[in-house]
Amino acid sequence: MNIIQLQYLIDVGELGSFTEAAKKNRMTVPTISQSIAQLENELGVTLFTRSRKGTNSTIEGKIVIQHAITVLKTINKMKNEISLFQSENQGNIVIATIPGMISQIIDTTIKFRKDFPHVNIQLVEGDSRLVLNYVQNGHADLGFVSFKTEKEEEVLTWEPLVKGETLLVINKHSHLRFKQSISGDELEDEMIVLYNDPYLKKITQDILPTHLWNKVSLITNSIEGIFRMIIHENAITIGPDYLVHSLPPEQKNEVITVSINKYKTIPYYLWKVTRKNEKASELINHFTEQLFSNLSNQHN
């Protein structure tokens, strides 16, 4: 018994004619007759009776035809679901992100592609302003940025993924390591390095007294360069704690964090940003869920 035989069976029953069933399927009448005969032999029943008035289903034939219709509907539904799955699980996802998220996104991509090997992921790295522009202009499907609060954007949807705290990041041997919290005035003699992001720079300006703003030694787009300066040159930087949690172990073990008095009770969020009025695909939702799981495990 196979799918083709079931289709021939249904057609003969609905059309009441072996000849018409043959025409519909572009087959010969003997081919249709042989197929029905094979089914009858396999099931041990007579499915049709023939007369001058046409071909009629027997009682057994009617039962078999109803089951055949159900089977073919189920098979067609299965084919449609498989086709939908294949179409949804192929293609590209373009992600714009701040540099601090690159490591987590790559780790998530490795796991994600085990489930969706035919999906290509493209990463665009830049500061928060670039990320927002890429998403807003349709050059990226989603973006990841760090802000204290949701920004007022008419065309973007903001979803908080991780809540963190803005902290001072220092070398584990720094004399500042003994402090529970710190103020901007206490950073006068420190080498300050910053990531080149307008919003992090604004936070730093807010923390530091005006006369210390010129004390910033390095502003760079390289997260790796910043942490090399902290580890090897005893520099300090300012950033959200979840970025520190996501560092490779060899770097994470060399730095510690200290609360900043002014920002000790002000949360800082990692946001997923997408375009409004555009439903996210299941692929994007699945990727976000995996990334959130990875971040949560690192944060705990």
C-alpha atoms as a PDB file:
ATOM      1  CA  MET A   1       0.000   0.000   0.000  1.00  0.00           C
ATOM      2  CA  ASN A   2       1.359   3.412  -0.945  1.00  0.00           C
ATOM      3  CA  ILE A   3       0.228   7.012  -1.358  1.00  0.00           C
ATOM      4  CA  ILE A   4      -0.396   6.675  -5.102  1.00  0.00           C
ATOM      5  CA  GLN A   5      -2.629   3.649  -4.592  1.00  0.00           C
ATOM      6  CA  LEU A   6      -4.670   5.529  -1.998  1.00  0.00           C
ATOM      7  CA  GLN A   7      -5.114   8.455  -4.382  1.00  0.00           C
ATOM      8  CA  TYR A   8      -6.305   6.122  -7.179  1.00  0.00           C
ATOM      9  CA  LEU A   9      -8.724   4.528  -4.703  1.00  0.00           C
ATOM     10  CA  ILE A  10     -10.203   7.886  -3.711  1.00  0.00           C
ATOM     11  CA  ASP A  11     -10.530   9.048  -7.321  1.00  0.00           C
ATOM     12  CA  VAL A  12     -12.349   5.873  -8.429  1.00  0.00           C
ATOM     13  CA  GLY A  13     -14.718   6.213  -5.486  1.00  0.00           C
ATOM     14  CA  GLU A  14     -15.429   9.914  -6.088  1.00  0.00           C
ATOM     15  CA  LEU A  15     -15.717   9.672  -9.898  1.00  0.00           C
ATOM     16  CA  GLY A  16     -17.460   6.282  -9.995  1.00  0.00           C
ATOM     17  CA  SER A  17     -15.348   5.233 -12.959  1.00  0.00           C
ATOM     18  CA  PHE A  18     -11.995   3.586 -13.551  1.00  0.00           C
ATOM     19  CA  THR A  19     -11.832   5.386 -16.897  1.00  0.00           C
ATOM     20  CA  GLU A  20     -12.349   8.843 -15.394  1.00  0.00           C
ATOM     21  CA  ALA A  21      -9.844   8.111 -12.616  1.00  0.00           C
ATOM     22  CA  ALA A  22      -7.318   7.085 -15.272  1.00  0.00           C
ATOM     23  CA  LYS A  23      -7.908  10.343 -17.177  1.00  0.00           C
ATOM     24  CA  LYS A  24      -7.516  12.458 -14.038  1.00  0.00           C
ATOM     25  CA  ASN A  25      -4.199  10.844 -13.173  1.00  0.00           C
ATOM     26  CA  ARG A  26      -3.037  10.577 -16.800  1.00  0.00           C
ATOM     27  CA  MET A  27      -2.657   6.846 -16.475  1.00  0.00           C
ATOM     28  CA  THR A  28      -4.118   3.883 -18.380  1.00  0.00           C
ATOM     29  CA  VAL A  29      -7.243   2.102 -17.147  1.00  0.00           C
ATOM     30  CA  PRO A  30      -5.329  -1.198 -16.668  1.00  0.00           C
ATOM     31  CA  THR A  31      -2.855   0.628 -14.414  1.00  0.00           C
ATOM     32  CA  ILE A  32      -5.677   1.929 -12.199  1.00  0.00           C
ATOM     33  CA  SER A  33      -7.387  -1.486 -12.173  1.00  0.00           C
ATOM     34  CA  GLN A  34      -4.172  -3.275 -11.221  1.00  0.00           C
ATOM     35  CA  SER A  35      -3.510  -0.817  -8.396  1.00  0.00           C
ATOM     36  CA  ILE A  36      -7.017  -1.336  -6.934  1.00  0.00           C
ATOM     37  CA  ALA A  37      -6.678  -5.117  -7.306  1.00  0.00           C
ATOM     38  CA  GLN A  38      -3.423  -5.018  -5.337  1.00  0.00           C
ATOM     39  CA  LEU A  39      -5.148  -3.101  -2.548  1.00  0.00           C
ATOM     40  CA  GLU A  40      -8.018  -5.592  -2.496  1.00  0.00           C
ATOM     41  CA  ASN A  41      -5.589  -8.484  -2.231  1.00  0.00           C
ATOM     42  CA  GLU A  42      -3.636  -6.766   0.539  1.00  0.00           C
ATOM     43  CA  LEU A  43      -6.759  -5.939   2.554  1.00  0.00           C
ATOM     44  CA  GLY A  44      -8.677  -9.131   1.706  1.00  0.00           C
ATOM     45  CA  VAL A  45     -11.856  -7.278   0.706  1.00  0.00           C
ATOM     46  CA  THR A  46     -13.650  -6.186  -2.441  1.00  0.00           C
ATOM     47  CA  LEU A  47     -13.554  -2.418  -2.749  1.00  0.00           C
ATOM     48  CA  PHE A  48     -15.710  -1.818  -5.821  1.00  0.00           C
ATOM     49  CA  THR A  49     -18.435  -3.490  -7.845  1.00  0.00           C
ATOM     50  CA  ARG A  50     -18.895  -2.779 -11.529  1.00  0.00           C
ATOM     51  CA  SER A  51     -22.131  -2.640 -13.479  1.00  0.00           C
ATOM     52  CA  ARG A  52     -23.537  -1.001 -16.580  1.00  0.00           C
ATOM     53  CA  LYS A  53     -24.494   1.944 -14.395  1.00  0.00           C
ATOM     54  CA  GLY A  54     -20.878   2.467 -13.311  1.00  0.00           C
ATOM     55  CA  THR A  55     -18.514   1.601 -10.506  1.00  0.00           C
ATOM     56  CA  ASN A  56     -19.788   1.632  -6.930  1.00  0.00           C
ATOM     57  CA  SER A  57     -17.970   1.349  -3.628  1.00  0.00           C
ATOM     58  CA  THR A  58     -18.759  -1.608  -1.430  1.00  0.00           C
ATOM     59  CA  ILE A  59     -19.405  -1.061   2.279  1.00  0.00           C
ATOM     60  CA  GLU A  60     -15.824  -2.096   2.942  1.00  0.00           C
ATOM     61  CA  GLY A  61     -14.701   0.154   0.108  1.00  0.00           C
ATOM     62  CA  LYS A  62     -16.425   3.183   1.623  1.00  0.00           C
ATOM     63  CA  ILE A  63     -14.695   2.540   4.964  1.00  0.00           C
ATOM     64  CA  VAL A  64     -11.296   2.200   3.283  1.00  0.00           C
ATOM     65  CA  ILE A  65     -11.864   5.346   1.192  1.00  0.00           C
ATOM     66  CA  GLN A  66     -12.675   7.420   4.301  1.00  0.00           C
ATOM     67  CA  HIS A  67      -9.481   6.233   5.990  1.00  0.00           C
ATOM     68  CA  ALA A  68      -7.516   6.897   2.791  1.00  0.00           C
ATOM     69  CA  ILE A  69      -8.824  10.488   2.681  1.00  0.00           C
ATOM     70  CA  THR A  70      -7.737  10.997   6.317  1.00  0.00           C
ATOM     71  CA  VAL A  71      -4.297   9.507   5.618  1.00  0.00           C
ATOM     72  CA  LEU A  72      -3.696  11.729   2.570  1.00  0.00           C
ATOM     73  CA  LYS A  73      -4.824  14.847   4.454  1.00  0.00           C
ATOM     74  CA  THR A  74      -2.395  14.011   7.247  1.00  0.00           C
ATOM     75  CA  ILE A  75       0.410  13.441   4.743  1.00  0.00           C
ATOM     76  CA  ASN A  76      -0.315  16.745   2.993  1.00  0.00           C
ATOM     77  CA  LYS A  77      -0.339  18.561   6.339  1.00  0.00           C
ATOM     78  CA  MET A  78       3.001  16.952   7.185  1.00  0.00           C
ATOM     79  CA  LYS A  79       4.472  18.053   3.837  1.00  0.00           C
ATOM     80  CA  ASN A  80       3.232  21.605   4.349  1.00  0.00           C
ATOM     81  CA  GLU A  81       4.716  21.793   7.844  1.00  0.00           C
ATOM     82  CA  ILE A  82       8.040  20.437   6.607  1.00  0.00           C
ATOM     83  CA  SER A  83       8.041  22.934   3.737  1.00  0.00           C
ATOM     84  CA  LEU A  84       7.259  25.777   6.138  1.00  0.00           C
ATOM     85  CA  PHE A  85       9.978  24.634   8.528  1.00  0.00           C
ATOM     86  CA  GLN A  86      12.535  24.494   5.729  1.00  0.00           C
ATOM     87  CA  SER A  87      11.581  27.929   4.401  1.00  0.00           C
ATOM     88  CA  GLU A  88      11.684  29.500   7.875  1.00  0.00           C
ATOM     89  CA  ASN A  89      14.944  27.838   8.814  1.00  0.00           C
ATOM     90  CA  GLN A  90      16.985  29.094   5.916  1.00  0.00           C
ATOM     91  CA  GLY A  91      18.269  32.537   5.076  1.00  0.00           C
ATOM     92  CA  ASN A  92      20.204  35.269   6.834  1.00  0.00           C
ATOM     93  CA  ILE A  93      20.074  37.136  10.125  1.00  0.00           C
ATOM     94  CA  VAL A  94      21.946  40.441  10.302  1.00  0.00           C
ATOM     95  CA  ILE A  95      22.795  41.524  13.847  1.00  0.00           C
ATOM     96  CA  ALA A  96      24.187  44.936  14.777  1.00  0.00           C
ATOM     97  CA  THR A  97      25.830  45.038  18.187  1.00  0.00           C
ATOM     98  CA  ILE A  98      28.077  46.976  20.502  1.00  0.00           C
ATOM     99  CA  PRO A  99      31.543  45.345  20.701  1.00  0.00           C
ATOM    100  CA  GLY A 100      31.103  44.111  24.249  1.00  0.00           C
ATOM    101  CA  MET A 101      28.489  41.628  23.036  1.00  0.00           C
ATOM    102  CA  ILE A 102      30.577  40.024  20.279  1.00  0.00           C
ATOM    103  CA  SER A 103      31.832  37.149  22.439  1.00  0.00           C
ATOM    104  CA  GLN A 104      28.347  36.230  23.681  1.00  0.00           C
ATOM    105  CA  ILE A 105      26.842  36.459  20.199  1.00  0.00           C
ATOM    106  CA  ILE A 106      29.530  34.214  18.736  1.00  0.00           C
ATOM    107  CA  ASP A 107      28.963  31.643  21.502  1.00  0.00           C
ATOM    108  CA  THR A 108      25.220  31.802  20.843  1.00  0.00           C
ATOM    109  CA  THR A 109      25.790  31.482  17.091  1.00  0.00           C
ATOM    110  CA  ILE A 110      27.775  28.265  17.566  1.00  0.00           C
ATOM    111  CA  LYS A 111      24.909  26.695  19.531  1.00  0.00           C
ATOM    112  CA  PHE A 112      22.236  28.187  17.257  1.00  0.00           C
ATOM    113  CA  ARG A 113      23.732  26.725  14.084  1.00  0.00           C
ATOM    114  CA  LYS A 114      23.583  23.232  15.526  1.00  0.00           C
ATOM    115  CA  ASP A 115      19.779  23.548  15.390  1.00  0.00           C
ATOM    116  CA  PHE A 116      19.658  25.738  12.272  1.00  0.00           C
ATOM    117  CA  PRO A 117      22.669  24.823  10.108  1.00  0.00           C
ATOM    118  CA  HIS A 118      21.262  26.534   7.004  1.00  0.00           C
ATOM    119  CA  VAL A 119      20.930  29.977   8.583  1.00  0.00           C
ATOM    120  CA  ASN A 120      23.734  32.469   7.960  1.00  0.00           C
ATOM    121  CA  ILE A 121      24.450  35.079  10.624  1.00  0.00           C
ATOM    122  CA  GLN A 122      26.183  38.350   9.819  1.00  0.00           C
ATOM    123  CA  LEU A 123      27.542  40.568  12.589  1.00  0.00           C
ATOM    124  CA  VAL A 124      27.953  44.337  12.332  1.00  0.00           C
ATOM    125  CA  GLU A 125      29.976  45.870  15.163  1.00  0.00           C
ATOM    126  CA  GLY A 126      29.786  49.496  16.199  1.00  0.00           C
ATOM    127  CA  ASP A 127      28.793  51.979  18.864  1.00  0.00           C
ATOM    128  CA  SER A 128      25.224  52.382  20.078  1.00  0.00           C
ATOM    129  CA  ARG A 129      24.435  55.109  17.554  1.00  0.00           C
ATOM    130  CA  LEU A 130      25.528  52.933  14.623  1.00  0.00           C
ATOM    131  CA  VAL A 131      23.547  49.968  15.944  1.00  0.00           C
ATOM    132  CA  LEU A 132      20.358  52.028  16.200  1.00  0.00           C
ATOM    133  CA  ASN A 133      20.839  53.473  12.718  1.00  0.00           C
ATOM    134  CA  TYR A 134      21.382  50.024  11.191  1.00  0.00           C
ATOM    135  CA  VAL A 135      18.214  48.630  12.719  1.00  0.00           C
ATOM    136  CA  GLN A 136      16.136  51.721  12.008  1.00  0.00           C
ATOM    137  CA  ASN A 137      17.208  51.837   8.334  1.00  0.00           C
ATOM    138  CA  GLY A 138      16.586  48.128   7.787  1.00  0.00           C
ATOM    139  CA  HIS A 139      20.246  47.171   7.354  1.00  0.00           C
ATOM    140  CA  ALA A 140      20.061  44.863  10.416  1.00  0.00           C
ATOM    141  CA  ASP A 141      17.269  42.601  11.635  1.00  0.00           C
ATOM    142  CA  LEU A 142      17.996  43.340  15.286  1.00  0.00           C
ATOM    143  CA  GLY A 143      20.504  45.155  17.438  1.00  0.00           C
ATOM    144  CA  PHE A 144      21.982  44.997  20.934  1.00  0.00           C
ATOM    145  CA  VAL A 145      22.813  48.179  22.842  1.00  0.00           C
ATOM    146  CA  SER A 146      23.424  49.323  26.413  1.00  0.00           C
ATOM    147  CA  PHE A 147      21.411  52.167  27.947  1.00  0.00           C
ATOM    148  CA  LYS A 148      20.092  53.232  31.324  1.00  0.00           C
ATOM    149  CA  THR A 149      16.566  53.596  29.991  1.00  0.00           C
ATOM    150  CA  GLU A 150      14.564  52.916  26.885  1.00  0.00           C
ATOM    151  CA  LYS A 151      15.063  55.613  24.264  1.00  0.00           C
ATOM    152  CA  GLU A 152      12.140  57.402  22.674  1.00  0.00           C
ATOM    153  CA  GLU A 153      12.189  56.075  19.110  1.00  0.00           C
ATOM    154  CA  GLU A 154       9.095  56.103  16.929  1.00  0.00           C
ATOM    155  CA  VAL A 155      10.262  53.274  14.678  1.00  0.00           C
ATOM    156  CA  LEU A 156      12.016  50.981  17.173  1.00  0.00           C
ATOM    157  CA  THR A 157      10.863  48.483  19.766  1.00  0.00           C
ATOM    158  CA  TRP A 158      13.008  48.068  22.881  1.00  0.00           C
ATOM    159  CA  GLU A 159      13.133  44.833  24.859  1.00  0.00           C
ATOM    160  CA  PRO A 160      15.333  44.623  28.003  1.00  0.00           C
ATOM    161  CA  LEU A 161      17.366  41.415  28.144  1.00  0.00           C
ATOM    162  CA  VAL A 162      19.663  41.911  31.130  1.00  0.00           C
ATOM    163  CA  LYS A 163      19.594  44.384  33.993  1.00  0.00           C
ATOM    164  CA  GLY A 164      22.979  45.438  35.276  1.00  0.00           C
ATOM    165  CA  GLU A 165      24.890  48.135  37.127  1.00  0.00           C
ATOM    166  CA  THR A 166      27.351  50.693  35.788  1.00  0.00           C
ATOM    167  CA  LEU A 167      30.651  49.918  37.510  1.00  0.00           C
ATOM    168  CA  LEU A 168      34.273  50.883  37.674  1.00  0.00           C
ATOM    169  CA  VAL A 169      36.435  48.085  36.216  1.00  0.00           C
ATOM    170  CA  ILE A 170      39.961  47.890  37.618  1.00  0.00           C
ATOM    171  CA  ASN A 171      42.997  45.650  37.781  1.00  0.00           C
ATOM    172  CA  LYS A 172      42.683  43.063  40.561  1.00  0.00           C
ATOM    173  CA  HIS A 173      45.887  44.474  42.120  1.00  0.00           C
ATOM    174  CA  SER A 174      44.745  48.113  42.028  1.00  0.00           C
ATOM    175  CA  HIS A 175      44.789  50.028  45.304  1.00  0.00           C
ATOM    176  CA  LEU A 176      41.124  50.809  44.634  1.00  0.00           C
ATOM    177  CA  ARG A 177      40.193  47.143  45.084  1.00  0.00           C
ATOM    178  CA  PHE A 178      39.602  47.630  48.812  1.00  0.00           C
ATOM    179  CA  LYS A 179      36.821  50.169  48.300  1.00  0.00           C
ATOM    180  CA  GLN A 180      33.159  49.155  48.432  1.00  0.00           C
ATOM    181  CA  SER A 181      32.171  52.133  46.279  1.00  0.00           C
ATOM    182  CA  ILE A 182      33.902  55.113  44.775  1.00  0.00           C
ATOM    183  CA  SER A 183      33.230  58.690  43.652  1.00  0.00           C
ATOM    184  CA  GLY A 184      34.612  60.566  40.658  1.00  0.00           C
ATOM    185  CA  ASP A 185      36.869  62.741  42.807  1.00  0.00           C
ATOM    186  CA  GLU A 186      38.849  59.670  43.862  1.00  0.00           C
ATOM    187  CA  LEU A 187      39.929  58.944  40.275  1.00  0.00           C
ATOM    188  CA  GLU A 188      42.185  61.986  39.868  1.00  0.00           C
ATOM    189  CA  ASP A 189      45.441  59.981  39.727  1.00  0.00           C
ATOM    190  CA  GLU A 190      44.080  57.082  37.654  1.00  0.00           C
ATOM    191  CA  MET A 191      44.663  56.237  33.990  1.00  0.00           C
ATOM    192  CA  ILE A 192      41.167  56.226  32.482  1.00  0.00           C
ATOM    193  CA  VAL A 193      40.385  54.370  29.250  1.00  0.00           C
ATOM    194  CA  LEU A 194      36.976  54.365  27.606  1.00  0.00           C
ATOM    195  CA  TYR A 195      35.107  52.651  24.851  1.00  0.00           C
ATOM    196  CA  ASN A 196      34.231  55.096  22.089  1.00  0.00           C
ATOM    197  CA  ASP A 197      30.493  55.154  22.624  1.00  0.00           C
ATOM    198  CA  PRO A 198      28.649  58.483  23.038  1.00  0.00           C
ATOM    199  CA  TYR A 199      26.457  57.167  25.833  1.00  0.00           C
ATOM    200  CA  LEU A 200      29.307  55.647  27.866  1.00  0.00           C
ATOM    201  CA  LYS A 201      31.243  58.870  27.398  1.00  0.00           C
ATOM    202  CA  LYS A 202      28.249  60.833  28.652  1.00  0.00           C
ATOM    203  CA  ILE A 203      28.056  58.632  31.767  1.00  0.00           C
ATOM    204  CA  THR A 204      31.780  59.118  32.369  1.00  0.00           C
ATOM    205  CA  GLN A 205      31.461  62.893  32.041  1.00  0.00           C
ATOM    206  CA  ASP A 206      28.577  62.742  34.493  1.00  0.00           C
ATOM    207  CA  ILE A 207      30.664  60.789  37.011  1.00  0.00           C
ATOM    208  CA  LEU A 208      33.927  62.709  36.750  1.00  0.00           C
ATOM    209  CA  PRO A 209      34.359  66.267  37.991  1.00  0.00           C
ATOM    210  CA  THR A 210      34.812  68.750  35.144  1.00  0.00           C
ATOM    211  CA  HIS A 211      38.521  69.220  35.790  1.00  0.00           C
ATOM    212  CA  LEU A 212      39.143  65.475  35.424  1.00  0.00           C
ATOM    213  CA  TRP A 213      37.527  64.985  32.038  1.00  0.00           C
ATOM    214  CA  ASN A 214      40.840  65.751  30.313  1.00  0.00           C
ATOM    215  CA  LYS A 215      42.390  62.945  32.352  1.00  0.00           C
ATOM    216  CA  VAL A 216      40.930  60.310  30.018  1.00  0.00           C
ATOM    217  CA  SER A 217      44.039  58.727  28.511  1.00  0.00           C
ATOM    218  CA  LEU A 218      42.493  56.628  25.745  1.00  0.00           C
ATOM    219  CA  ILE A 219      39.187  56.439  23.893  1.00  0.00           C
ATOM    220  CA  THR A 220      39.032  53.456  21.558  1.00  0.00           C
ATOM    221  CA  ASN A 221      36.683  51.175  19.626  1.00  0.00           C
ATOM    222  CA  SER A 222      38.626  48.149  20.828  1.00  0.00           C
ATOM    223  CA  ILE A 223      37.181  46.346  23.859  1.00  0.00           C
ATOM    224  CA  GLU A 224      40.206  44.048  23.799  1.00  0.00           C
ATOM    225  CA  GLY A 225      42.526  47.071  23.888  1.00  0.00           C
ATOM    226  CA  ILE A 226      40.703  48.514  26.890  1.00  0.00           C
ATOM    227  CA  PHE A 227      41.080  45.359  28.944  1.00  0.00           C
ATOM    228  CA  ARG A 228      44.718  44.971  27.916  1.00  0.00           C
ATOM    229  CA  MET A 229      45.285  48.459  29.319  1.00  0.00           C
ATOM    230  CA  ILE A 230      43.516  47.505  32.555  1.00  0.00           C
ATOM    231  CA  ILE A 231      45.421  44.249  32.959  1.00  0.00           C
ATOM    232  CA  HIS A 232      48.883  45.384  31.856  1.00  0.00           C
ATOM    233  CA  GLU A 233      48.900  49.140  32.559  1.00  0.00           C
ATOM    234  CA  ASN A 234      46.669  49.274  35.651  1.00  0.00           C
ATOM    235  CA  ALA A 235      44.171  51.501  33.845  1.00  0.00           C
ATOM    236  CA  ILE A 236      40.493  51.769  34.780  1.00  0.00           C
ATOM    237  CA  THR A 237      37.308  51.942  32.728  1.00  0.00           C
ATOM    238  CA  ILE A 238      33.571  52.385  33.243  1.00  0.00           C
ATOM    239  CA  GLY A 239      30.937  50.024  31.891  1.00  0.00           C
ATOM    240  CA  PRO A 240      28.000  47.725  32.684  1.00  0.00           C
ATOM    241  CA  ASP A 241      28.696  44.666  34.825  1.00  0.00           C
ATOM    242  CA  TYR A 242      27.213  42.158  32.352  1.00  0.00           C
ATOM    243  CA  LEU A 243      30.024  42.972  29.912  1.00  0.00           C
ATOM    244  CA  VAL A 244      32.541  42.042  32.584  1.00  0.00           C
ATOM    245  CA  HIS A 245      30.710  38.780  33.309  1.00  0.00           C
ATOM    246  CA  SER A 246      30.997  37.847  29.647  1.00  0.00           C
ATOM    247  CA  LEU A 247      34.768  38.308  29.395  1.00  0.00           C
ATOM    248  CA  PRO A 248      36.960  35.274  28.593  1.00  0.00           C
ATOM    249  CA  PRO A 249      38.135  33.622  31.844  1.00  0.00           C
ATOM    250  CA  GLU A 250      41.750  34.673  31.342  1.00  0.00           C
ATOM    251  CA  GLN A 251      40.685  38.349  31.325  1.00  0.00           C
ATOM    252  CA  LYS A 252      37.820  38.093  33.787  1.00  0.00           C
ATOM    253  CA  ASN A 253      40.132  36.641  36.427  1.00  0.00           C
ATOM    254  CA  GLU A 254      42.449  39.647  36.151  1.00  0.00           C
ATOM    255  CA  VAL A 255      39.890  42.389  36.836  1.00  0.00           C
ATOM    256  CA  ILE A 256      37.421  43.310  39.559  1.00  0.00           C
ATOM    257  CA  THR A 257      34.581  45.821  39.763  1.00  0.00           C
ATOM    258  CA  VAL A 258      33.782  48.594  42.212  1.00  0.00           C
ATOM    259  CA  SER A 259      30.435  50.325  42.595  1.00  0.00           C
ATOM    260  CA  ILE A 260      30.208  53.992  41.664  1.00  0.00           C
ATOM    261  CA  ASN A 261      28.440  56.053  44.321  1.00  0.00           C
ATOM    262  CA  LYS A 262      26.346  58.068  41.888  1.00  0.00           C
ATOM    263  CA  TYR A 263      25.202  55.024  39.902  1.00  0.00           C
ATOM    264  CA  LYS A 264      24.979  52.437  42.654  1.00  0.00           C
ATOM    265  CA  THR A 265      21.184  52.332  42.578  1.00  0.00           C
ATOM    266  CA  ILE A 266      20.665  53.227  38.896  1.00  0.00           C
ATOM    267  CA  PRO A 267      20.184  50.138  36.720  1.00  0.00           C
ATOM    268  CA  TYR A 268      21.779  49.789  33.294  1.00  0.00           C
ATOM    269  CA  TYR A 269      20.201  47.529  30.689  1.00  0.00           C
ATOM    270  CA  LEU A 270      21.191  45.484  27.693  1.00  0.00           C
ATOM    271  CA  TRP A 271      18.448  46.025  25.132  1.00  0.00           C
ATOM    272  CA  LYS A 272      17.332  44.102  22.075  1.00  0.00           C
ATOM    273  CA  VAL A 273      16.171  46.593  19.469  1.00  0.00           C
ATOM    274  CA  THR A 274      13.951  45.764  16.484  1.00  0.00           C
ATOM    275  CA  ARG A 275      11.769  47.735  14.090  1.00  0.00           C
ATOM    276  CA  LYS A 276       8.220  48.474  15.183  1.00  0.00           C
ATOM    277  CA  ASN A 277       5.291  46.933  13.327  1.00  0.00           C
ATOM    278  CA  GLU A 278       7.519  44.156  11.990  1.00  0.00           C
ATOM    279  CA  LYS A 279       6.890  40.785  13.563  1.00  0.00           C
ATOM    280  CA  ALA A 280      10.155  39.082  14.475  1.00  0.00           C
ATOM    281  CA  SER A 281      10.691  35.736  12.786  1.00  0.00           C
ATOM    282  CA  GLU A 282      10.801  32.563  14.843  1.00  0.00           C
ATOM    283  CA  LEU A 283      14.500  32.326  13.993  1.00  0.00           C
ATOM    284  CA  ILE A 284      15.195  35.709  15.592  1.00  0.00           C
ATOM    285  CA  ASN A 285      13.099  34.807  18.630  1.00  0.00           C
ATOM    286  CA  HIS A 286      14.959  31.511  19.000  1.00  0.00           C
ATOM    287  CA  PHE A 287      18.344  33.238  18.700  1.00  0.00           C
ATOM    288  CA  THR A 288      17.329  35.839  21.303  1.00  0.00           C
ATOM    289  CA  GLU A 289      16.173  33.126  23.715  1.00  0.00           C
ATOM    290  CA  GLN A 290      19.524  31.342  23.431  1.00  0.00           C
ATOM    291  CA  LEU A 291      21.445  34.590  23.916  1.00  0.00           C
ATOM    292  CA  PHE A 292      19.334  35.469  26.961  1.00  0.00           C
ATOM    293  CA  SER A 293      20.002  32.002  28.422  1.00  0.00           C
ATOM    294  CA  ASN A 294      23.755  32.422  27.904  1.00  0.00           C
ATOM    295  CA  LEU A 295      23.756  35.868  29.500  1.00  0.00           C
ATOM    296  CA  SER A 296      21.697  34.694  32.451  1.00  0.00           C
ATOM    297  CA  ASN A 297      24.085  31.794  33.094  1.00  0.00           C
ATOM    298  CA  GLN A 298      27.094  34.134  32.981  1.00  0.00           C
ATOM    299  CA  HIS A 299      25.427  36.693  35.224  1.00  0.00           C
ATOM    300  CA  ASN A 300      24.568  34.154  37.946  1.00  0.00           C
END
